[in-house]
Structure formats: structure tokens, C-alpha cells
N, C-alpha and C. Protein backbone atom coordinates (compact mmCIF):
# COMPACT_ATOMS: atom_id res chain seq x y z
N MET A 1 -22.52 -21.43 -20.50
CA MET A 1 -21.94 -20.99 -18.99
C MET A 1 -21.30 -22.05 -18.33
N THR A 2 -20.18 -21.38 -17.83
CA THR A 2 -19.53 -22.78 -17.38
C THR A 2 -20.06 -22.78 -15.74
N GLU A 3 -19.59 -23.71 -14.92
CA GLU A 3 -19.94 -23.83 -13.58
C GLU A 3 -19.28 -22.48 -12.72
N HIS A 4 -18.15 -22.02 -13.38
CA HIS A 4 -17.24 -20.77 -12.51
C HIS A 4 -17.87 -19.55 -12.78
N SER A 5 -19.07 -19.12 -13.86
CA SER A 5 -19.42 -18.02 -14.13
C SER A 5 -20.36 -17.45 -13.03
N ALA A 6 -21.06 -18.33 -12.47
CA ALA A 6 -22.03 -18.00 -11.22
C ALA A 6 -20.76 -17.12 -10.34
N SER A 7 -21.18 -16.14 -9.40
CA SER A 7 -20.26 -15.62 -8.37
C SER A 7 -20.36 -16.11 -7.19
N PRO A 8 -19.33 -17.13 -7.23
CA PRO A 8 -19.19 -18.01 -5.87
C PRO A 8 -18.74 -17.31 -4.72
N GLN A 9 -18.67 -17.51 -3.80
CA GLN A 9 -18.01 -16.91 -2.72
C GLN A 9 -16.63 -17.16 -2.55
N VAL A 10 -15.66 -15.93 -2.92
CA VAL A 10 -14.34 -16.18 -2.97
C VAL A 10 -13.74 -16.23 -1.48
N LEU A 11 -13.08 -17.22 -1.06
CA LEU A 11 -12.40 -17.31 0.27
C LEU A 11 -11.03 -16.68 0.22
N PHE A 12 -10.33 -17.04 -0.75
CA PHE A 12 -8.45 -16.68 -0.91
C PHE A 12 -8.40 -16.12 -2.06
N TYR A 13 -7.72 -15.06 -2.61
CA TYR A 13 -7.41 -14.44 -3.87
C TYR A 13 -6.00 -13.96 -3.80
N GLU A 14 -5.14 -14.17 -4.70
CA GLU A 14 -4.07 -13.62 -5.09
C GLU A 14 -3.96 -13.21 -6.69
N GLN A 15 -3.72 -11.85 -6.86
CA GLN A 15 -3.76 -11.62 -8.34
C GLN A 15 -2.66 -12.23 -9.22
N GLY A 16 -1.72 -12.04 -8.70
CA GLY A 16 -0.44 -12.82 -9.44
C GLY A 16 0.34 -11.55 -9.78
N ALA A 17 0.29 -11.00 -10.36
CA ALA A 17 1.06 -9.46 -10.47
C ALA A 17 0.56 -8.24 -10.62
N SER A 18 1.01 -7.42 -10.23
CA SER A 18 0.28 -5.88 -10.22
C SER A 18 0.38 -5.15 -11.56
N TRP A 19 -0.18 -4.42 -12.01
CA TRP A 19 -0.42 -3.84 -13.57
C TRP A 19 0.71 -2.47 -13.21
N TRP A 20 0.95 -2.28 -11.73
CA TRP A 20 1.95 -1.28 -11.46
C TRP A 20 3.03 -1.01 -11.89
N TRP A 21 3.68 -2.71 -12.05
CA TRP A 21 5.06 -2.51 -12.56
C TRP A 21 5.23 -2.08 -14.26
N ILE A 22 3.98 -1.72 -15.17
CA ILE A 22 4.20 -0.77 -16.31
C ILE A 22 4.44 0.45 -16.30
N ALA A 23 4.45 1.26 -14.79
CA ALA A 23 5.11 2.26 -14.67
C ALA A 23 6.27 2.43 -15.15
N ALA A 24 7.08 1.25 -14.83
CA ALA A 24 8.64 1.12 -15.37
C ALA A 24 8.83 1.70 -16.79
N GLY A 25 7.89 1.81 -17.67
CA GLY A 25 8.12 2.03 -18.77
C GLY A 25 8.15 3.36 -18.88
N PRO A 26 7.09 4.02 -18.79
CA PRO A 26 7.28 5.36 -18.68
C PRO A 26 8.40 6.19 -17.63
N ALA A 27 8.63 5.38 -16.84
CA ALA A 27 10.05 6.07 -15.89
C ALA A 27 11.26 5.68 -16.81
N SER A 28 11.62 4.77 -17.72
CA SER A 28 12.63 4.52 -18.21
C SER A 28 12.61 5.47 -19.59
N GLY A 29 11.58 5.78 -20.07
CA GLY A 29 11.51 6.97 -21.06
C GLY A 29 12.25 8.23 -20.33
N VAL A 30 11.33 8.45 -19.37
CA VAL A 30 11.79 9.81 -18.56
C VAL A 30 13.38 9.71 -18.45
N ALA A 31 13.90 8.73 -17.68
CA ALA A 31 15.22 8.41 -17.43
C ALA A 31 16.14 8.86 -18.71
N MET A 32 15.74 8.38 -19.59
CA MET A 32 16.76 8.57 -21.04
C MET A 32 16.58 9.96 -21.60
N GLY A 33 15.72 10.47 -21.28
CA GLY A 33 15.37 11.76 -21.77
C GLY A 33 16.18 12.50 -20.69
N LEU A 34 16.44 12.52 -19.44
CA LEU A 34 17.22 13.14 -18.50
C LEU A 34 18.50 13.09 -18.68
N ILE A 35 18.91 11.45 -18.84
CA ILE A 35 20.16 11.53 -19.52
C ILE A 35 20.68 12.11 -20.55
N GLN A 36 19.93 12.24 -21.71
CA GLN A 36 20.13 12.86 -22.57
C GLN A 36 20.73 14.36 -22.64
N ALA A 37 19.52 14.87 -21.73
CA ALA A 37 19.80 16.58 -21.33
C ALA A 37 20.81 16.66 -20.56
N SER A 38 21.07 15.85 -19.63
CA SER A 38 22.12 15.97 -18.53
C SER A 38 23.53 15.56 -19.49
N ALA A 39 23.69 15.24 -20.58
CA ALA A 39 24.96 15.06 -21.41
C ALA A 39 25.28 16.01 -22.46
N GLY A 40 23.89 16.97 -22.52
CA GLY A 40 24.45 18.08 -23.38
C GLY A 40 23.74 17.73 -24.74
N TYR A 41 22.90 16.89 -24.79
CA TYR A 41 22.38 16.72 -26.42
C TYR A 41 21.09 17.03 -26.34
N GLY A 42 20.50 17.94 -25.45
CA GLY A 42 19.02 18.55 -25.60
C GLY A 42 18.35 17.39 -25.12
N PHE A 43 16.76 17.51 -25.57
CA PHE A 43 15.76 16.51 -25.73
C PHE A 43 15.56 15.93 -27.04
N GLN A 44 15.92 14.52 -27.58
CA GLN A 44 15.26 14.39 -28.52
C GLN A 44 14.30 12.92 -28.28
N TRP A 45 13.05 12.72 -28.98
CA TRP A 45 12.07 12.04 -28.51
C TRP A 45 12.45 10.47 -28.95
N LEU A 46 13.19 10.07 -29.83
CA LEU A 46 13.39 8.88 -30.65
C LEU A 46 13.87 7.98 -29.24
N VAL A 47 15.06 8.03 -28.68
CA VAL A 47 15.70 7.20 -27.98
C VAL A 47 14.72 7.21 -26.50
N PRO A 48 14.19 8.07 -25.83
CA PRO A 48 13.22 7.86 -25.02
C PRO A 48 11.96 7.19 -25.29
N GLY A 49 11.73 7.66 -26.70
CA GLY A 49 10.21 7.00 -27.11
C GLY A 49 10.51 5.50 -27.35
N ILE A 50 11.62 5.06 -27.79
CA ILE A 50 11.98 3.55 -27.74
C ILE A 50 12.03 2.60 -26.44
N PHE A 51 12.58 3.75 -25.44
CA PHE A 51 12.51 3.03 -24.09
C PHE A 51 11.20 2.63 -23.67
N PHE A 52 10.92 4.06 -23.83
CA PHE A 52 9.14 3.95 -23.22
C PHE A 52 8.50 2.67 -23.69
N VAL A 53 8.12 2.71 -25.26
CA VAL A 53 7.44 1.49 -25.95
C VAL A 53 7.75 0.04 -25.59
N LEU A 54 9.40 -0.19 -25.79
CA LEU A 54 9.81 -1.50 -25.42
C LEU A 54 9.52 -1.78 -24.12
N VAL A 55 10.37 -0.95 -22.98
CA VAL A 55 10.17 -1.48 -21.79
C VAL A 55 8.57 -1.69 -21.50
N THR A 56 7.46 -0.59 -21.94
CA THR A 56 5.96 -0.67 -21.22
C THR A 56 5.67 -2.33 -21.94
N GLY A 57 5.73 -2.38 -23.27
CA GLY A 57 5.54 -3.44 -23.80
C GLY A 57 5.95 -4.98 -23.47
N PHE A 58 7.22 -5.16 -23.03
CA PHE A 58 7.84 -6.08 -22.42
C PHE A 58 7.02 -6.39 -20.84
N LEU A 59 6.88 -5.37 -20.22
CA LEU A 59 6.25 -5.57 -18.76
C LEU A 59 5.07 -5.81 -18.83
N ALA A 60 4.12 -5.38 -20.05
CA ALA A 60 2.97 -5.52 -20.32
C ALA A 60 2.67 -7.00 -20.21
N ILE A 61 3.36 -7.52 -21.31
CA ILE A 61 3.49 -9.00 -21.59
C ILE A 61 3.53 -9.88 -20.36
N GLN A 62 4.72 -9.56 -19.47
CA GLN A 62 5.26 -10.37 -18.42
C GLN A 62 3.74 -10.41 -17.39
N VAL A 63 3.62 -9.12 -17.07
CA VAL A 63 2.48 -8.74 -15.87
C VAL A 63 1.34 -9.69 -16.55
N LYS A 64 0.85 -9.66 -17.98
CA LYS A 64 0.03 -10.18 -18.26
C LYS A 64 0.13 -11.99 -17.95
N ALA A 65 0.93 -12.51 -18.29
CA ALA A 65 1.25 -13.69 -18.23
C ALA A 65 1.49 -14.41 -16.57
N ALA A 66 1.79 -13.57 -15.92
CA ALA A 66 1.86 -13.68 -14.14
C ALA A 66 0.55 -13.48 -13.73
N ARG A 67 -0.40 -12.94 -14.11
CA ARG A 67 -1.84 -12.80 -13.69
C ARG A 67 -2.56 -13.83 -14.23
N ILE A 68 -2.12 -14.56 -15.08
CA ILE A 68 -2.94 -15.97 -15.66
C ILE A 68 -2.24 -16.95 -14.92
N HIS A 69 -0.67 -17.09 -15.07
CA HIS A 69 -0.20 -18.42 -14.48
C HIS A 69 0.15 -18.44 -12.98
N THR A 70 0.07 -17.10 -12.34
CA THR A 70 0.51 -17.23 -11.14
C THR A 70 -0.78 -16.72 -9.91
N SER A 71 -1.88 -16.59 -10.59
CA SER A 71 -3.01 -16.08 -9.76
C SER A 71 -3.50 -17.47 -8.91
N VAL A 72 -4.04 -17.06 -7.98
CA VAL A 72 -4.72 -18.19 -7.10
C VAL A 72 -6.07 -17.50 -6.67
N GLU A 73 -7.19 -18.47 -6.79
CA GLU A 73 -8.44 -18.37 -6.57
C GLU A 73 -8.96 -19.43 -5.60
N LEU A 74 -9.53 -19.21 -4.33
CA LEU A 74 -10.30 -20.47 -3.63
C LEU A 74 -11.65 -20.18 -3.31
N THR A 75 -12.70 -21.08 -3.64
CA THR A 75 -14.06 -20.94 -3.44
C THR A 75 -14.10 -22.11 -2.65
N PRO A 76 -15.52 -22.24 -1.73
CA PRO A 76 -15.98 -23.44 -1.25
C PRO A 76 -15.86 -24.76 -2.01
N GLU A 77 -16.24 -24.61 -3.59
CA GLU A 77 -16.43 -25.69 -4.47
C GLU A 77 -15.25 -25.88 -5.30
N TRP A 78 -14.20 -24.82 -5.44
CA TRP A 78 -12.85 -25.44 -6.34
C TRP A 78 -11.83 -24.30 -6.04
N LEU A 79 -10.51 -24.70 -6.22
CA LEU A 79 -9.32 -24.06 -6.45
C LEU A 79 -8.62 -24.05 -7.56
N ARG A 80 -8.73 -22.57 -7.92
CA ARG A 80 -7.82 -22.49 -9.08
C ARG A 80 -6.09 -21.80 -8.89
N GLN A 81 -5.40 -22.81 -9.44
CA GLN A 81 -4.02 -22.57 -9.32
C GLN A 81 -3.51 -22.15 -10.94
N GLY A 82 -3.39 -20.71 -11.15
CA GLY A 82 -2.94 -20.50 -12.48
C GLY A 82 -3.79 -20.55 -13.32
N ALA A 83 -3.53 -21.44 -14.36
CA ALA A 83 -4.77 -21.83 -15.47
C ALA A 83 -5.41 -23.15 -15.19
N GLU A 84 -5.18 -23.96 -14.02
CA GLU A 84 -5.68 -25.12 -13.54
C GLU A 84 -6.69 -24.99 -12.72
N THR A 85 -7.65 -25.42 -12.69
CA THR A 85 -8.93 -25.48 -11.61
C THR A 85 -9.06 -27.11 -11.29
N ILE A 86 -9.13 -27.37 -9.86
CA ILE A 86 -9.54 -28.58 -9.33
C ILE A 86 -10.58 -28.58 -8.36
N SER A 87 -11.32 -29.16 -8.39
CA SER A 87 -12.78 -29.29 -7.39
C SER A 87 -12.34 -29.38 -5.83
N THR A 88 -12.63 -28.86 -4.92
CA THR A 88 -11.91 -28.98 -3.58
C THR A 88 -12.57 -30.26 -3.24
N ALA A 89 -13.63 -31.11 -3.50
CA ALA A 89 -13.98 -32.16 -3.12
C ALA A 89 -12.55 -33.37 -3.64
N GLU A 90 -11.80 -33.01 -4.21
CA GLU A 90 -10.70 -34.02 -4.58
C GLU A 90 -9.72 -34.06 -3.61
N ILE A 91 -9.60 -32.85 -2.84
CA ILE A 91 -8.64 -32.89 -1.37
C ILE A 91 -9.23 -33.49 -0.31
N VAL A 92 -8.46 -34.46 -0.01
CA VAL A 92 -8.58 -35.31 1.30
C VAL A 92 -8.20 -34.80 2.33
N ARG A 93 -6.81 -33.80 2.38
CA ARG A 93 -6.29 -33.72 3.49
C ARG A 93 -5.37 -32.80 3.08
N ILE A 94 -4.65 -31.65 3.98
CA ILE A 94 -3.72 -30.75 4.10
C ILE A 94 -2.50 -31.34 4.67
N TYR A 95 -1.52 -31.86 4.19
CA TYR A 95 -0.19 -32.21 4.95
C TYR A 95 0.55 -30.85 5.84
N PRO A 96 0.94 -31.23 6.72
CA PRO A 96 1.45 -30.29 7.52
C PRO A 96 2.68 -29.51 6.97
N GLU A 97 3.42 -28.20 7.58
CA GLU A 97 4.41 -27.92 6.86
C GLU A 97 5.49 -28.52 7.13
N ALA A 98 6.36 -27.98 5.95
CA ALA A 98 7.75 -28.81 6.38
C ALA A 98 8.65 -28.14 7.20
N SER A 99 9.25 -29.07 7.96
CA SER A 99 9.99 -28.75 9.19
C SER A 99 11.07 -29.60 9.35
N GLY A 100 12.22 -29.23 9.85
CA GLY A 100 13.33 -29.94 10.04
C GLY A 100 14.24 -29.89 8.88
N SER A 101 15.26 -31.06 8.70
CA SER A 101 16.18 -31.06 7.61
C SER A 101 15.87 -31.96 6.56
N GLU A 102 14.88 -32.78 7.12
CA GLU A 102 14.54 -33.80 5.62
C GLU A 102 13.18 -33.01 5.19
N ALA A 103 13.35 -33.03 3.87
CA ALA A 103 12.18 -32.50 3.04
C ALA A 103 10.89 -33.72 3.05
N PRO A 104 9.85 -33.28 3.07
CA PRO A 104 8.63 -34.24 3.16
C PRO A 104 8.26 -34.66 1.75
N LYS A 105 7.56 -36.01 1.80
CA LYS A 105 7.38 -36.47 0.57
C LYS A 105 6.78 -35.53 -0.44
N TRP A 106 5.81 -34.76 0.00
CA TRP A 106 4.92 -34.07 -0.72
C TRP A 106 5.50 -32.89 -1.63
N GLN A 107 6.75 -32.33 -1.03
CA GLN A 107 7.39 -31.38 -1.81
C GLN A 107 7.85 -31.77 -3.34
N SER A 108 8.04 -33.38 -3.31
CA SER A 108 8.51 -33.59 -4.72
C SER A 108 7.17 -33.83 -5.51
N ALA A 109 5.74 -33.63 -4.92
CA ALA A 109 4.40 -33.75 -5.88
C ALA A 109 4.45 -32.88 -6.88
N ARG A 110 3.84 -32.87 -7.70
CA ARG A 110 3.34 -32.06 -9.02
C ARG A 110 2.81 -30.79 -8.35
N ALA A 111 3.25 -29.35 -8.97
CA ALA A 111 2.75 -28.27 -8.50
C ALA A 111 1.13 -28.16 -9.24
N LEU A 112 0.16 -27.76 -8.50
CA LEU A 112 -1.04 -27.24 -9.56
C LEU A 112 -0.52 -26.40 -10.25
N GLY A 113 -1.50 -26.17 -11.51
CA GLY A 113 -1.06 -24.83 -12.43
C GLY A 113 -0.30 -25.60 -13.42
N GLU A 114 -0.19 -24.97 -14.59
CA GLU A 114 0.49 -25.30 -15.78
C GLU A 114 2.14 -25.04 -15.79
N LEU A 115 2.62 -24.87 -14.92
CA LEU A 115 4.16 -24.28 -14.44
C LEU A 115 4.40 -25.82 -13.95
N THR A 116 6.08 -26.05 -14.22
CA THR A 116 6.91 -27.10 -13.97
C THR A 116 6.86 -27.18 -12.74
N GLY A 117 6.75 -26.01 -11.41
CA GLY A 117 6.97 -26.10 -10.44
C GLY A 117 6.20 -25.11 -9.60
N VAL A 118 6.55 -25.01 -8.27
CA VAL A 118 5.80 -24.04 -7.47
C VAL A 118 6.48 -22.76 -8.28
N PRO A 119 5.94 -21.63 -8.64
CA PRO A 119 5.98 -20.27 -8.68
C PRO A 119 7.12 -19.63 -7.91
N ARG A 120 8.46 -18.99 -8.30
CA ARG A 120 9.14 -18.18 -7.61
C ARG A 120 8.39 -17.26 -6.86
N GLY A 121 8.78 -17.15 -5.58
CA GLY A 121 8.03 -16.13 -4.50
C GLY A 121 7.03 -16.72 -3.72
N ARG A 122 6.49 -18.04 -4.30
CA ARG A 122 5.48 -18.60 -3.47
C ARG A 122 5.73 -19.88 -2.50
N THR A 123 5.19 -20.47 -1.84
CA THR A 123 5.30 -21.60 -0.84
C THR A 123 4.49 -22.68 -1.26
N GLY A 124 5.15 -24.07 -1.29
CA GLY A 124 4.30 -25.10 -1.66
C GLY A 124 3.30 -25.42 -0.36
N ILE A 125 2.39 -25.97 -0.67
CA ILE A 125 1.42 -26.59 0.30
C ILE A 125 0.94 -27.70 -0.01
N GLY A 126 1.18 -29.19 0.79
CA GLY A 126 0.97 -30.22 0.36
C GLY A 126 -0.28 -30.99 0.46
N LEU A 127 -0.57 -31.44 -0.46
CA LEU A 127 -2.31 -31.57 -0.66
C LEU A 127 -2.20 -33.17 -0.77
N LYS A 128 -2.90 -33.71 0.01
CA LYS A 128 -3.56 -35.09 -0.36
C LYS A 128 -4.51 -35.53 -1.11
N MET A 129 -4.64 -35.68 -2.50
CA MET A 129 -5.67 -36.05 -3.35
C MET A 129 -6.77 -37.11 -3.31
N THR A 130 -7.69 -37.54 -4.01
CA THR A 130 -8.37 -38.62 -3.99
C THR A 130 -7.49 -39.73 -4.92
N ASN A 131 -7.81 -40.75 -5.13
CA ASN A 131 -6.85 -41.64 -5.75
C ASN A 131 -5.90 -41.77 -5.23
N ASP A 132 -5.49 -41.64 -3.89
CA ASP A 132 -3.78 -41.71 -3.38
C ASP A 132 -2.72 -40.75 -4.29
N ARG A 133 -3.27 -39.91 -4.71
CA ARG A 133 -2.57 -39.04 -5.43
C ARG A 133 -2.08 -37.63 -4.30
N SER A 134 -0.76 -37.11 -4.89
CA SER A 134 -0.45 -35.76 -3.72
C SER A 134 -0.20 -34.89 -4.90
N ALA A 135 -0.12 -33.53 -4.44
CA ALA A 135 -0.05 -32.50 -5.30
C ALA A 135 0.33 -31.29 -4.19
N GLN A 136 0.85 -30.16 -4.82
CA GLN A 136 1.13 -28.99 -4.21
C GLN A 136 0.17 -27.87 -4.73
N ALA A 137 -0.56 -27.18 -3.54
CA ALA A 137 -1.06 -25.91 -3.87
C ALA A 137 0.18 -25.11 -3.56
N TRP A 138 -0.07 -23.60 -3.83
CA TRP A 138 1.00 -22.54 -3.96
C TRP A 138 0.26 -21.26 -3.63
N ALA A 139 1.19 -20.53 -2.90
CA ALA A 139 0.40 -18.80 -2.77
C ALA A 139 1.88 -18.37 -2.31
N ARG A 140 1.52 -16.93 -2.33
CA ARG A 140 2.47 -15.79 -1.59
C ARG A 140 2.31 -15.76 -0.18
N LYS A 141 0.97 -16.05 0.17
CA LYS A 141 0.43 -15.83 1.60
C LYS A 141 -0.15 -17.03 1.76
N HIS A 142 0.82 -17.84 2.04
CA HIS A 142 0.82 -19.50 1.85
C HIS A 142 0.30 -19.75 3.15
N GLN A 143 0.27 -19.20 4.37
CA GLN A 143 -0.33 -19.33 5.53
C GLN A 143 -1.69 -19.14 5.51
N LYS A 144 -2.24 -17.91 5.21
CA LYS A 144 -3.51 -17.72 4.80
C LYS A 144 -4.30 -18.81 3.85
N LEU A 145 -3.78 -19.26 2.60
CA LEU A 145 -4.28 -20.18 1.97
C LEU A 145 -4.33 -21.63 2.89
N ARG A 146 -3.28 -21.91 3.50
CA ARG A 146 -3.36 -23.38 3.95
C ARG A 146 -4.20 -23.19 5.16
N GLU A 147 -4.57 -22.20 6.18
CA GLU A 147 -5.58 -21.86 7.16
C GLU A 147 -7.08 -22.48 6.25
N THR A 148 -7.14 -21.21 5.27
CA THR A 148 -8.59 -21.48 4.73
C THR A 148 -8.84 -22.99 3.93
N LEU A 149 -7.83 -23.45 3.40
CA LEU A 149 -7.94 -24.85 2.65
C LEU A 149 -8.21 -25.89 3.74
N THR A 150 -7.50 -25.58 4.77
CA THR A 150 -7.95 -26.61 6.10
C THR A 150 -9.29 -26.56 6.55
N GLN A 151 -9.84 -25.06 6.37
CA GLN A 151 -11.25 -24.75 6.83
C GLN A 151 -12.36 -25.70 5.62
N VAL A 152 -11.91 -25.31 4.59
CA VAL A 152 -12.65 -25.96 3.71
C VAL A 152 -12.89 -27.63 3.99
N VAL A 153 -11.83 -28.22 3.48
CA VAL A 153 -11.55 -29.63 3.83
C VAL A 153 -12.20 -30.10 5.23
N GLU A 154 -12.01 -29.41 6.09
CA GLU A 154 -12.59 -29.87 7.36
C GLU A 154 -14.00 -29.59 7.56
N GLU A 155 -14.62 -28.76 6.96
CA GLU A 155 -16.07 -28.70 6.68
C GLU A 155 -16.63 -29.91 6.11
N ARG A 156 -15.88 -30.55 5.34
CA ARG A 156 -16.29 -31.53 4.38
C ARG A 156 -15.97 -32.93 5.27
N ILE A 157 -14.81 -32.70 5.26
CA ILE A 157 -13.91 -34.30 6.17
C ILE A 157 -13.64 -33.56 7.43
N PRO A 158 -14.58 -34.10 8.62
CA PRO A 158 -13.98 -33.92 9.96
C PRO A 158 -12.54 -34.14 10.34
N PRO A 159 -11.77 -33.71 10.93
CA PRO A 159 -10.49 -34.02 10.97
C PRO A 159 -10.40 -35.36 12.06
N GLU A 160 -9.39 -36.15 11.77
CA GLU A 160 -9.41 -37.43 12.36
C GLU A 160 -8.86 -37.23 13.84
N SER A 161 -9.87 -38.35 14.75
CA SER A 161 -9.44 -37.64 16.11
C SER A 161 -8.26 -38.61 16.56
N VAL A 162 -7.34 -37.88 17.57
CA VAL A 162 -5.83 -38.38 17.73
C VAL A 162 -6.21 -39.48 18.88
């Protein structure tokens, strides 16, 4: 058993992609059947069946990959970004949001997960890590993740007084 097998309190979760996208496969089969019927060919199973199988299969692979590589889960002990998990103890502070015309230095830091950058449709969150490292966490609901991550870090490390 791994340390993640016990049911920890999940503070933030994004699934990555919805299985509802697979409904496009049957919809494409029905659409091809309707096109055949409206063109006067009657209904023949081959073309709608091929569309159904190919579109459903392709989308199932895409959704499965998105659910693995773009899901996010935060507990008090760890942050999982896609297929990479880090301990929240490694996070020293959360950088402020990017504002203004000049990009902050943290935006060029490595994105967590096994992807080459922040996934499309997600927004990066700058993290200062132990050993003077920087990284980017990311999420669709980045404001909520930022807020929750900040709470987790501040519970462990009180914010610096100004």
C-alpha cells in the first residue's frame, strides 16, 4: 500500500475531462445515418457504424489521457498534478498572480505534471519550493486552487509580517 491509499481529506479536485465527450461517437453515427437517409440512400449500417466506432474510440483514448494527465488533487499532505505528486511540505510559498505587462519570473518555471507546460485551458500558479526551486501548479479553477494552496502553506508556515 502506498501513502496515498488511505482516504485523505481532499481539499481541491479537478477530474481533467468528462466522459460525456464520448457521446459525440453515437451522435456522429446518428448524424451519418440521417445524412444517408436524407440523401435518398436509405439506412445502411456500415458508414454510421464506422463513424460510431472510430469517433467513440478516439474520444475514449483522449478522455482517458486527459483524466490522467490534467487532473488535479490537493490534500493537506500532497498535491497531485496529472501523473506527478509532490508533498505540500516542499511548497514554501505561493507567488502572487501575474499582473501588468511584464511576466513574472515564475511563469518560466517548470510546470508540475509530466506535460511540457501548463495544459491548455488551465492557468499557472507560481510556487516557491524548497532548495530555492520554482514550479507552476495549474488548474481550470485556478483561483480556488490558489486560495486552498495558500491556506495549506500558511497553516504550516505563518505568513511573513509586513
